[in-house]
Structure formats: structure tokens, C-alpha cells
Amino acid sequence: MALTLVTSNALAIAAVRSRLSFHLRRSFSSVATNASWNQMAKVGVVQMTSTNDLEANFQTCSRLVKEAAAEGVKLLCFPESFSFIGARMGESIEIAEPLDGPTMQRYCSLAREANIWLSLGGFQEKGPDDAHLCNTHVLLDNYGKIRNSYRKIHLFDVDVPGNMVYKESSFTSQGDTVVAEDSPIGRLGLTVCYDLRFPELYQMLRFHYQAQVLLVPSAFTKVTGEAHWEILLRARAIETQCYVIAAAQAGKHNEKRESYGDSIIIDPWGTVIARLPDRLCTGFAVAEIDLSKIDTVRTKMPISMHRVLDSCWKSSSL
């Protein structure tokens, strides 16, 4: 007699998949065509070392926003946990706020005053209870309004070899909605860090949500970053034929935590077109997003016409 064991974790994953299926929709809240978008637009990708000092982090972000705006950048992308990285267990829960709270409002003011769009990936949004927060990627327009937000779906519960044990699910509520949003540089697909290891999310963003630019704000560990960071990002760009903008935390945040860094921008052919000269320094790199290049790559390599399998199909053996 065969017994099937179902763990609570498997049940939780099944529940999220069910909710994702429900939320799989084309949310064209501000539908636009390629003709209404600028074919060329300048974007920036930030690299920084956040700490548990909210004010110091804000001042760094403020300086970078002003410098990027002066260079004509239309969208500036910050890494995961841009506003805060805790030094002890539970510290992130203590400072978590709703999206209309004072911390996010300061960043809204930054966007409005600099007349720039901001991708703020991995904000500690107050969660459904006192023990959990949401790891939320917030997209602000140049008027300082929240255009959309994405709560991280894939939580980092990993024992990193030669490093430390991470259990993000112990304090983070799992997201269940795929998010894309129109912008002056094209249609953006919102993700966060560990999502990068799950290509089906990026396939959804490309083929179900018509994304043209994929945002991957991250805080990869030094160990995993050295092994996989660039190759995973280039793979996502190649297989979706999208631009990828990957903002990264860099260096030592405290005695217990260190991030790999290496913020980069990749074109739809998989070529790295911008990165900082030092993978650990604070600053930003700039590149031009050319929507016509997306069209060219997709025309010459028409994978959308050749797809046979869909990630939503179920194996006949199940």
C-alpha cells in the first residue's frame, strides 16, 4: 500500500500556486502601445551597502537620485532592502511600515522633486501580523505616486554552503501576485532577488504580461553571487528577450551579513551593457533602453511563435 506524505510546506506552496493561478491576469492599468513609449530612454542601476541606519540609507539614496536626475536618467533602480538591513534578528519587523507610512513617503517626495521614476526593490512593508513583514518591490512614478507594488513570491529559505542559514519565511509573508506595469521606458516586470532562480516567473512576465524590461533588485550573498549572479541574469534576458536591470547590495552590512554586489544592466541579446567599475562601490551605472532593439531581437529569433510547452501545462503523467 503506497502512502503519500504531504508536508505543510508543500501545502503552502500549493496554496500559493492556486492563488497565483487566480491572479494570472493581464493588469493593463495604464495600457500603452509601443508607439506611445519613447523608443530610447536612459536608466540607472544603483549599487549600495545599506545598514540598520534608516537616515543614513535615505541620505545615500537621496544623493544618488539627484545625481541620476542630473544625468537625464528616467528610471533609477535601487537594490533589495535599500532603506534598511537589520543587524539583529527581528529588527526588520520592528521598523516595517505600511506603504503610506513616513519612510515610503520620503522616497515618494524624492521621486517627485527629482522628476524621476524609482524602482525601490525590497521595502520592509508591514505584514499581516506582528510577526511578519512583506518584502515589497515598490514602483514610483515621477509624480511621487506608487504606480504598483509586488510582494516577493519566492522566499529565501536556504542553508548557504560555507555561509549561514537563511529562513526568510520565518518573518516574511509570501506574495501571490505577478506584477507588470507600464512606464516611460516600456512595460516593466517586477521581481525580487531569489525570484531570479525561478525562470517560470520571468516566462509569465514576458509571454503573459508582455514585459519588455525585467527588474531584479537583489541582495545576493557573496557565495551565491560569485557562483551564479551574472549567469542567471543573462539567462533570464536571453530566454525572455527582455532588458534586465539588476540592482545589487554590495559589501559588508554588519558583522553577520555580506552581499556580493555587481549591479548590471543586460540587453535582450544577453550582453552586459552597463555595470559599475567596482562591484563593491556605492554609485550607479547608466545605459540606454532601446525598445526597437527588443523588437529586432524578437523578430530575428521569434521564440514566441515557436513555443510548444507552457509552464501552466500539467504533465500527463501526473
Protein backbone atom coordinates (compact mmCIF):
# COMPACT_ATOMS: atom_id res chain seq x y z
CA MET A 1 0.00 0.00 0.00
CA ALA A 2 1.54 3.32 -1.08
CA LEU A 3 1.34 6.28 1.26
CA THR A 4 1.63 9.87 0.11
CA LEU A 5 3.21 12.24 2.60
CA VAL A 6 2.34 15.90 2.18
CA THR A 7 4.33 18.37 4.25
CA SER A 8 2.96 21.66 5.49
CA ASN A 9 5.49 23.40 3.26
CA ALA A 10 4.18 21.56 0.19
CA LEU A 11 0.64 22.53 1.12
CA ALA A 12 1.71 26.15 1.47
CA ILE A 13 3.35 26.08 -1.97
CA ALA A 14 0.23 24.50 -3.46
CA ALA A 15 -1.90 27.25 -1.92
CA VAL A 16 0.32 29.96 -3.36
CA ARG A 17 0.21 28.30 -6.80
CA SER A 18 -3.55 28.27 -6.58
CA ARG A 19 -3.62 31.95 -5.73
CA LEU A 20 -1.12 32.71 -8.48
CA SER A 21 -3.37 30.94 -10.96
CA PHE A 22 -6.23 33.12 -9.78
CA HIS A 23 -4.14 36.28 -10.08
CA LEU A 24 -2.70 35.41 -13.51
CA ARG A 25 -4.26 38.23 -15.41
CA ARG A 26 -3.28 40.98 -17.77
CA SER A 27 -3.45 44.01 -15.49
CA PHE A 28 -3.18 46.77 -18.05
CA SER A 29 -3.97 49.54 -15.59
CA SER A 30 -2.44 52.10 -17.95
CA VAL A 31 -2.43 50.36 -21.29
CA ALA A 32 0.05 51.79 -23.78
CA THR A 33 1.39 50.82 -27.16
CA ASN A 34 4.99 50.91 -28.30
CA ALA A 35 4.13 53.99 -30.33
CA SER A 36 3.31 55.96 -27.18
CA TRP A 37 6.56 55.00 -25.41
CA ASN A 38 9.88 56.67 -26.03
CA GLN A 39 11.97 54.32 -28.16
CA MET A 40 15.11 55.40 -26.28
CA ALA A 41 15.34 56.19 -22.57
CA LYS A 42 18.17 56.42 -20.07
CA VAL A 43 18.04 54.18 -16.99
CA GLY A 44 20.28 53.81 -13.97
CA VAL A 45 21.11 50.85 -11.72
CA VAL A 46 22.23 51.53 -8.15
CA GLN A 47 24.79 49.68 -6.06
CA MET A 48 24.97 50.41 -2.33
CA THR A 49 25.67 48.99 1.12
CA SER A 50 22.61 49.51 3.31
CA THR A 51 22.81 49.24 7.09
CA ASN A 52 20.37 49.44 10.01
CA ASP A 53 20.52 53.26 9.91
CA LEU A 54 17.36 54.44 8.12
CA GLU A 55 18.51 58.05 7.89
CA ALA A 56 21.97 57.25 6.54
CA ASN A 57 20.45 54.97 3.90
CA PHE A 58 17.97 57.66 2.89
CA GLN A 59 20.72 60.25 2.53
CA THR A 60 22.67 57.88 0.26
CA CYS A 61 19.57 57.23 -1.85
CA SER A 62 18.75 60.94 -1.98
CA ARG A 63 22.23 61.82 -3.25
CA LEU A 64 22.10 59.12 -5.93
CA VAL A 65 18.63 60.18 -7.09
CA LYS A 66 19.75 63.79 -7.53
CA GLU A 67 22.90 62.76 -9.39
CA ALA A 68 20.96 60.40 -11.68
CA ALA A 69 18.30 63.00 -12.44
CA ALA A 70 21.03 65.49 -13.36
CA GLU A 71 22.32 62.96 -15.91
CA GLY A 72 18.89 62.64 -17.51
CA VAL A 73 18.02 59.22 -16.07
CA LYS A 74 14.29 58.48 -16.38
CA LEU A 75 14.19 55.37 -14.15
CA LEU A 76 16.61 54.70 -11.29
CA CYS A 77 16.60 51.19 -9.80
CA PHE A 78 17.61 50.52 -6.18
CA PRO A 79 18.50 47.12 -4.68
CA GLU A 80 16.57 44.93 -2.28
CA SER A 81 16.50 46.32 1.29
CA PHE A 82 17.63 49.74 0.02
CA SER A 83 16.17 51.54 3.05
CA PHE A 84 17.24 49.14 5.80
CA ILE A 85 19.22 45.97 6.54
CA GLY A 86 18.95 44.82 10.14
CA ALA A 87 21.90 43.83 12.29
CA ARG A 88 19.96 41.53 14.60
CA MET A 89 17.03 39.13 14.44
CA GLY A 90 13.65 40.86 14.47
CA GLU A 91 14.98 44.35 13.73
CA SER A 92 13.38 44.49 10.28
CA ILE A 93 9.99 43.60 11.77
CA GLU A 94 10.33 46.44 14.25
CA ILE A 95 10.86 49.11 11.57
CA ALA A 96 8.36 47.76 9.00
CA GLU A 97 5.76 50.30 7.86
CA PRO A 98 2.74 50.40 5.54
CA LEU A 99 3.35 51.82 2.07
CA ASP A 100 1.64 55.07 3.08
CA GLY A 101 3.93 55.38 6.11
CA PRO A 102 6.56 58.12 6.64
CA THR A 103 9.55 56.22 5.21
CA MET A 104 8.00 55.45 1.82
CA GLN A 105 6.52 58.95 1.69
CA ARG A 106 10.03 60.39 1.90
CA TYR A 107 11.00 58.36 -1.15
CA CYS A 108 7.83 59.50 -2.92
CA SER A 109 8.92 63.07 -2.30
CA LEU A 110 12.37 62.26 -3.70
CA ALA A 111 10.84 60.95 -6.93
CA ARG A 112 8.54 63.95 -7.27
CA GLU A 113 11.22 66.56 -6.56
CA ALA A 114 13.71 64.96 -8.95
CA ASN A 115 11.04 64.23 -11.60
CA ILE A 116 12.22 60.63 -11.90
CA TRP A 117 10.75 57.13 -11.71
CA LEU A 118 12.14 54.95 -8.91
CA SER A 119 12.23 51.17 -8.57
CA LEU A 120 12.50 50.51 -4.84
CA GLY A 121 13.02 46.80 -4.51
CA GLY A 122 12.62 45.03 -1.22
CA PHE A 123 10.96 47.53 1.13
CA GLN A 124 10.02 46.24 4.58
CA GLU A 125 6.25 46.65 4.30
CA LYS A 126 4.20 45.96 7.43
CA GLY A 127 2.79 42.46 7.14
CA PRO A 128 -0.49 40.75 8.04
CA ASP A 129 0.54 40.24 11.68
CA ASP A 130 3.14 41.42 14.19
CA ALA A 131 5.49 38.54 13.37
CA HIS A 132 5.70 39.04 9.58
CA LEU A 133 6.53 41.71 7.05
CA CYS A 134 6.24 41.77 3.25
CA ASN A 135 9.33 42.06 1.07
CA THR A 136 7.80 44.55 -1.35
CA HIS A 137 9.13 45.98 -4.61
CA VAL A 138 7.59 49.45 -4.98
CA LEU A 139 7.45 51.35 -8.27
CA LEU A 140 7.13 55.15 -8.04
CA ASP A 141 6.44 57.47 -10.96
CA ASN A 142 7.93 60.93 -11.44
CA TYR A 143 4.96 62.49 -9.64
CA GLY A 144 5.83 60.58 -6.50
CA LYS A 145 2.86 58.25 -6.78
CA ILE A 146 3.01 54.50 -6.20
CA ARG A 147 2.25 53.04 -9.62
CA ASN A 148 2.40 49.42 -8.49
CA SER A 149 3.91 47.10 -5.90
CA TYR A 150 5.00 43.47 -5.94
CA ARG A 151 5.37 41.25 -2.88
CA LYS A 152 8.17 38.72 -3.21
CA ILE A 153 6.83 35.26 -4.12
CA HIS A 154 9.90 33.05 -3.69
CA LEU A 155 11.27 33.31 -0.15
CA PHE A 156 14.92 32.56 0.60
CA ASP A 157 14.94 29.53 2.92
CA VAL A 158 18.44 28.22 2.25
CA ASP A 159 21.47 26.81 4.05
CA VAL A 160 24.20 28.51 2.01
CA PRO A 161 27.33 26.31 1.79
CA GLY A 162 30.20 27.88 3.71
CA ASN A 163 27.98 30.72 4.84
CA MET A 164 24.90 30.88 7.05
CA VAL A 165 21.34 29.61 7.25
CA TYR A 166 18.62 31.93 5.95
CA LYS A 167 14.93 31.43 6.74
CA GLU A 168 13.12 34.35 5.14
CA SER A 169 9.73 32.69 5.55
CA SER A 170 10.09 32.84 9.34
CA PHE A 171 9.44 36.59 9.26
CA THR A 172 8.16 37.31 5.73
CA SER A 173 4.69 36.80 4.29
CA GLN A 174 4.77 35.20 0.83
CA GLY A 175 3.40 37.15 -2.12
CA ASP A 176 0.94 35.62 -4.57
CA THR A 177 0.57 38.09 -7.46
CA VAL A 178 2.61 38.57 -10.63
CA VAL A 179 3.02 42.27 -11.41
CA ALA A 180 3.86 44.23 -14.56
CA GLU A 181 3.41 47.96 -15.11
CA ASP A 182 3.71 50.42 -18.00
CA SER A 183 6.35 53.15 -17.75
CA PRO A 184 8.14 55.70 -19.95
CA ILE A 185 10.81 53.10 -20.75
CA GLY A 186 8.43 50.28 -21.62
CA ARG A 187 6.49 47.62 -19.78
CA LEU A 188 8.25 46.63 -16.56
CA GLY A 189 8.20 43.21 -14.89
CA LEU A 190 8.70 43.42 -11.11
CA THR A 191 10.60 40.72 -9.20
CA VAL A 192 12.92 40.50 -6.16
CA CYS A 193 16.26 38.68 -5.65
CA TYR A 194 15.63 34.93 -5.08
CA ASP A 195 12.86 35.05 -7.71
CA LEU A 196 15.74 35.04 -10.20
CA ARG A 197 16.19 31.28 -9.75
CA PHE A 198 12.65 30.56 -10.97
CA PRO A 199 12.50 31.14 -14.73
CA GLU A 200 8.79 30.41 -14.95
CA LEU A 201 8.05 33.77 -13.29
CA TYR A 202 10.01 35.58 -15.98
CA GLN A 203 8.34 33.50 -18.69
CA MET A 204 4.99 34.64 -17.31
CA LEU A 205 6.12 38.26 -17.31
CA ARG A 206 7.25 38.04 -20.93
CA PHE A 207 4.57 35.89 -22.53
CA HIS A 208 1.51 36.58 -20.37
CA TYR A 209 2.21 40.15 -19.25
CA GLN A 210 4.17 41.44 -22.28
CA ALA A 211 7.11 42.71 -20.20
CA GLN A 212 9.96 44.40 -22.03
CA VAL A 213 12.20 45.28 -19.08
CA LEU A 214 12.70 42.97 -16.09
CA LEU A 215 13.68 44.49 -12.74
CA VAL A 216 15.65 42.28 -10.33
CA PRO A 217 16.58 44.24 -7.17
CA SER A 218 18.73 41.92 -5.07
CA ALA A 219 20.96 41.25 -2.09
CA PHE A 220 22.74 38.07 -3.22
CA THR A 221 25.13 36.51 -0.74
CA LYS A 222 28.83 36.61 -1.56
CA VAL A 223 28.91 32.82 -2.05
CA THR A 224 25.89 32.55 -4.36
CA GLY A 225 26.75 35.76 -6.18
CA GLU A 226 30.22 34.57 -7.13
CA ALA A 227 28.78 31.34 -8.49
CA HIS A 228 25.52 32.33 -10.16
CA TRP A 229 24.66 36.06 -10.24
CA GLU A 230 25.66 37.12 -13.76
CA ILE A 231 24.90 33.83 -15.49
CA LEU A 232 21.35 33.71 -14.09
CA LEU A 233 20.67 37.32 -15.08
CA ARG A 234 21.98 36.83 -18.61
CA ALA A 235 19.92 33.64 -18.94
CA ARG A 236 16.74 35.48 -17.94
CA ALA A 237 17.49 38.21 -20.51
CA ILE A 238 18.21 35.72 -23.31
CA GLU A 239 15.25 33.42 -22.73
CA THR A 240 12.74 36.29 -22.41
CA GLN A 241 14.37 38.67 -24.91
CA CYS A 242 13.97 41.47 -22.40
CA TYR A 243 16.28 44.04 -20.88
CA VAL A 244 17.26 43.12 -17.33
CA ILE A 245 18.12 45.74 -14.71
CA ALA A 246 19.65 44.16 -11.61
CA ALA A 247 20.45 46.50 -8.71
CA ALA A 248 22.58 44.87 -6.02
CA GLN A 249 23.52 45.31 -2.39
CA ALA A 250 27.31 45.21 -2.01
CA GLY A 251 29.83 44.57 0.73
CA LYS A 252 29.53 44.16 4.50
CA HIS A 253 26.35 45.44 6.11
CA ASN A 254 27.30 44.27 9.59
CA GLU A 255 29.38 41.56 11.23
CA LYS A 256 26.98 38.82 10.16
CA ARG A 257 25.93 39.79 6.65
CA GLU A 258 27.76 40.47 3.39
CA SER A 259 26.39 40.91 -0.13
CA TYR A 260 28.04 40.17 -3.48
CA GLY A 261 27.29 43.40 -5.35
CA ASP A 262 27.87 43.86 -9.11
CA SER A 263 24.85 45.86 -10.28
CA ILE A 264 24.38 45.38 -14.02
CA ILE A 265 22.10 46.10 -16.97
CA ILE A 266 21.74 43.47 -19.71
CA ASP A 267 20.20 43.83 -23.17
CA PRO A 268 17.74 41.38 -24.83
CA TRP A 269 20.61 39.54 -26.55
CA GLY A 270 22.22 38.79 -23.18
CA THR A 271 25.03 41.34 -23.40
CA VAL A 272 26.02 43.30 -20.29
CA ILE A 273 25.73 46.95 -21.34
CA ALA A 274 26.36 48.69 -18.01
CA ARG A 275 28.00 47.95 -14.69
CA LEU A 276 29.97 49.83 -12.07
CA PRO A 277 33.78 49.69 -12.29
CA ASP A 278 33.96 48.11 -8.83
CA ARG A 279 31.39 45.53 -7.73
CA LEU A 280 31.53 46.80 -4.11
CA CYS A 281 31.45 50.58 -4.52
CA THR A 282 28.43 52.83 -3.97
CA GLY A 283 27.09 54.55 -7.07
CA PHE A 284 25.09 53.87 -10.21
CA ALA A 285 25.68 52.80 -13.80
CA VAL A 286 23.70 54.16 -16.75
CA ALA A 287 22.50 52.65 -20.04
CA GLU A 288 20.04 53.45 -22.82
CA ILE A 289 16.97 51.26 -23.15
CA ASP A 290 16.18 50.93 -26.86
CA LEU A 291 12.74 49.40 -27.42
CA SER A 292 13.49 48.94 -31.11
CA LYS A 293 16.28 46.53 -30.15
CA ILE A 294 13.73 44.37 -28.34
CA ASP A 295 11.62 44.27 -31.49
CA THR A 296 14.67 43.42 -33.62
CA VAL A 297 15.80 40.56 -31.37
CA ARG A 298 12.30 39.12 -31.13
CA THR A 299 11.80 39.33 -34.91
CA LYS A 300 15.09 37.65 -35.76
CA MET A 301 14.64 34.96 -33.09
CA PRO A 302 10.83 34.53 -32.94
CA ILE A 303 10.62 32.25 -29.91
CA SER A 304 7.11 33.45 -29.09
CA MET A 305 5.93 31.75 -32.31
CA HIS A 306 7.81 28.54 -31.61
CA ARG A 307 6.77 27.84 -28.01
CA VAL A 308 5.15 24.43 -27.62
CA LEU A 309 5.17 23.86 -23.88
CA ASP A 310 3.65 26.29 -21.44
CA SER A 311 4.66 26.48 -17.78
CA CYS A 312 0.98 26.23 -16.85
CA TRP A 313 0.56 22.83 -18.53
CA LYS A 314 0.49 19.74 -16.37
CA SER A 315 2.42 16.62 -17.19
CA SER A 316 0.22 13.81 -18.49
CA SER A 317 1.97 11.51 -16.03
CA LEU A 318 0.56 13.35 -13.03
